[in-house]
Amino acid sequence: MFLMYYFYLNLFIFSCFMFSYFYYEVFMTLMMMEFMMMTLFLLLMMMVLVIKLNLLMLFYLIFVVCESVLGLTLLILLIRSYGNDNLKLMNLILW
């Protein structure tokens, strides 16, 4: 059981590292944020199953889905206005 906690914690740390590594590409940043949310969901699920609060998991998933929809909407707007998702090529003061 504790081995799974360490595994999920390592996945979260790996996704945080990849989030900082792919900082200039918006799509990869969104993917790493979703991977972080998934590992947090798995950690939270293991803790919530012990205390039997299944409704908390539903609320967490609702917020994760809303965050991902908002991120994809901003990505689509960014690609339509600038033509790519690379943040190195644009001036964010104008955005």
C-alpha atoms as a PDB file:
ATOM      1  CA  MET A   1       0.000   0.000   0.000  1.00  0.00           C
ATOM      2  CA  PHE A   2       2.765   2.453   0.897  1.00  0.00           C
ATOM      3  CA  LEU A   3       4.574   1.511  -2.285  1.00  0.00           C
ATOM      4  CA  MET A   4       1.671   2.923  -4.298  1.00  0.00           C
ATOM      5  CA  TYR A   5       1.903   6.230  -2.413  1.00  0.00           C
ATOM      6  CA  TYR A   6       5.564   6.516  -3.332  1.00  0.00           C
ATOM      7  CA  PHE A   7       4.836   5.579  -6.921  1.00  0.00           C
ATOM      8  CA  TYR A   8       2.123   8.234  -7.276  1.00  0.00           C
ATOM      9  CA  LEU A   9       4.296  10.789  -5.522  1.00  0.00           C
ATOM     10  CA  ASN A  10       7.122  10.060  -7.953  1.00  0.00           C
ATOM     11  CA  LEU A  11       4.704  10.460 -10.862  1.00  0.00           C
ATOM     12  CA  PHE A  12       3.619  13.820  -9.485  1.00  0.00           C
ATOM     13  CA  ILE A  13       7.216  15.007  -9.105  1.00  0.00           C
ATOM     14  CA  PHE A  14       7.999  13.812 -12.622  1.00  0.00           C
ATOM     15  CA  SER A  15       5.016  15.700 -14.026  1.00  0.00           C
ATOM     16  CA  CYS A  16       6.063  18.862 -12.149  1.00  0.00           C
ATOM     17  CA  PHE A  17       9.521  18.554 -13.682  1.00  0.00           C
ATOM     18  CA  MET A  18       8.092  18.070 -17.172  1.00  0.00           C
ATOM     19  CA  PHE A  19       5.735  21.018 -16.595  1.00  0.00           C
ATOM     20  CA  SER A  20       8.714  23.264 -15.936  1.00  0.00           C
ATOM     21  CA  TYR A  21      10.723  21.757 -18.809  1.00  0.00           C
ATOM     22  CA  PHE A  22       8.017  22.315 -21.472  1.00  0.00           C
ATOM     23  CA  TYR A  23       7.062  25.763 -20.179  1.00  0.00           C
ATOM     24  CA  TYR A  24       7.066  27.482 -23.581  1.00  0.00           C
ATOM     25  CA  GLU A  25       4.756  25.006 -25.321  1.00  0.00           C
ATOM     26  CA  VAL A  26       1.182  25.503 -24.181  1.00  0.00           C
ATOM     27  CA  PHE A  27      -0.142  22.096 -25.282  1.00  0.00           C
ATOM     28  CA  MET A  28       2.561  20.156 -23.434  1.00  0.00           C
ATOM     29  CA  THR A  29       2.032  22.367 -20.384  1.00  0.00           C
ATOM     30  CA  LEU A  30      -1.672  21.535 -20.411  1.00  0.00           C
ATOM     31  CA  MET A  31      -0.898  17.838 -20.795  1.00  0.00           C
ATOM     32  CA  MET A  32       1.464  17.890 -17.826  1.00  0.00           C
ATOM     33  CA  MET A  33      -1.107  19.761 -15.744  1.00  0.00           C
ATOM     34  CA  GLU A  34      -3.655  17.054 -16.536  1.00  0.00           C
ATOM     35  CA  PHE A  35      -1.095  14.398 -15.609  1.00  0.00           C
ATOM     36  CA  MET A  36      -0.541  16.179 -12.284  1.00  0.00           C
ATOM     37  CA  MET A  37      -4.280  16.262 -11.684  1.00  0.00           C
ATOM     38  CA  MET A  38      -4.537  12.555 -12.479  1.00  0.00           C
ATOM     39  CA  THR A  39      -1.801  11.617 -10.023  1.00  0.00           C
ATOM     40  CA  LEU A  40      -3.376  13.831  -7.370  1.00  0.00           C
ATOM     41  CA  PHE A  41      -6.685  12.121  -8.086  1.00  0.00           C
ATOM     42  CA  LEU A  42      -5.121   8.710  -7.544  1.00  0.00           C
ATOM     43  CA  LEU A  43      -3.483   9.834  -4.293  1.00  0.00           C
ATOM     44  CA  LEU A  44      -6.717  11.394  -3.112  1.00  0.00           C
ATOM     45  CA  MET A  45      -8.686   8.304  -4.066  1.00  0.00           C
ATOM     46  CA  MET A  46      -6.443   6.084  -1.972  1.00  0.00           C
ATOM     47  CA  MET A  47      -6.930   8.391   1.027  1.00  0.00           C
ATOM     48  CA  VAL A  48     -10.666   8.896   0.535  1.00  0.00           C
ATOM     49  CA  LEU A  49     -11.424   5.199   0.292  1.00  0.00           C
ATOM     50  CA  VAL A  50     -10.234   4.838   3.864  1.00  0.00           C
ATOM     51  CA  ILE A  51     -12.649   7.456   5.239  1.00  0.00           C
ATOM     52  CA  LYS A  52     -15.536   6.765   2.801  1.00  0.00           C
ATOM     53  CA  LEU A  53     -16.036  10.247   1.303  1.00  0.00           C
ATOM     54  CA  ASN A  54     -16.879   9.391  -2.280  1.00  0.00           C
ATOM     55  CA  LEU A  55     -18.680  12.686  -2.911  1.00  0.00           C
ATOM     56  CA  LEU A  56     -15.379  14.528  -2.498  1.00  0.00           C
ATOM     57  CA  MET A  57     -13.992  12.625  -5.477  1.00  0.00           C
ATOM     58  CA  LEU A  58     -16.913  13.765  -7.614  1.00  0.00           C
ATOM     59  CA  PHE A  59     -16.294  17.400  -6.733  1.00  0.00           C
ATOM     60  CA  TYR A  60     -12.599  17.010  -7.520  1.00  0.00           C
ATOM     61  CA  LEU A  61     -13.331  15.490 -10.922  1.00  0.00           C
ATOM     62  CA  ILE A  62     -15.783  18.291 -11.753  1.00  0.00           C
ATOM     63  CA  PHE A  63     -13.132  20.932 -11.073  1.00  0.00           C
ATOM     64  CA  VAL A  64     -10.502  19.015 -13.059  1.00  0.00           C
ATOM     65  CA  VAL A  65     -12.804  18.775 -16.067  1.00  0.00           C
ATOM     66  CA  CYS A  66     -13.653  22.488 -15.874  1.00  0.00           C
ATOM     67  CA  GLU A  67      -9.942  23.330 -15.695  1.00  0.00           C
ATOM     68  CA  SER A  68      -9.142  21.188 -18.719  1.00  0.00           C
ATOM     69  CA  VAL A  69     -11.984  22.677 -20.787  1.00  0.00           C
ATOM     70  CA  LEU A  70     -10.839  26.187 -19.938  1.00  0.00           C
ATOM     71  CA  GLY A  71      -7.249  25.328 -20.859  1.00  0.00           C
ATOM     72  CA  LEU A  72      -8.216  23.800 -24.195  1.00  0.00           C
ATOM     73  CA  THR A  73     -10.405  26.808 -24.994  1.00  0.00           C
ATOM     74  CA  LEU A  74      -7.510  29.162 -24.349  1.00  0.00           C
ATOM     75  CA  LEU A  75      -5.260  26.943 -26.457  1.00  0.00           C
ATOM     76  CA  ILE A  76      -7.683  27.087 -29.385  1.00  0.00           C
ATOM     77  CA  LEU A  77      -7.932  30.870 -29.099  1.00  0.00           C
ATOM     78  CA  LEU A  78      -4.143  31.120 -28.970  1.00  0.00           C
ATOM     79  CA  ILE A  79      -3.640  28.950 -32.043  1.00  0.00           C
ATOM     80  CA  ARG A  80      -6.316  30.780 -34.021  1.00  0.00           C
ATOM     81  CA  SER A  81      -4.872  34.192 -33.237  1.00  0.00           C
ATOM     82  CA  TYR A  82      -1.125  33.454 -33.466  1.00  0.00           C
ATOM     83  CA  GLY A  83      -0.913  30.294 -35.559  1.00  0.00           C
ATOM     84  CA  ASN A  84       1.070  28.191 -33.062  1.00  0.00           C
ATOM     85  CA  ASP A  85       1.284  27.380 -29.374  1.00  0.00           C
ATOM     86  CA  ASN A  86       4.895  28.369 -28.822  1.00  0.00           C
ATOM     87  CA  LEU A  87       5.185  31.123 -26.223  1.00  0.00           C
ATOM     88  CA  LYS A  88       8.750  32.063 -27.200  1.00  0.00           C
ATOM     89  CA  LEU A  89       7.561  33.679 -30.433  1.00  0.00           C
ATOM     90  CA  MET A  90       4.935  35.994 -28.986  1.00  0.00           C
ATOM     91  CA  ASN A  91       4.902  39.074 -26.840  1.00  0.00           C
ATOM     92  CA  LEU A  92       2.557  38.511 -23.896  1.00  0.00           C
ATOM     93  CA  ILE A  93       2.159  42.226 -23.293  1.00  0.00           C
ATOM     94  CA  LEU A  94       0.117  42.426 -26.499  1.00  0.00           C
ATOM     95  CA  TRP A  95      -2.051  39.417 -25.559  1.00  0.00           C
END
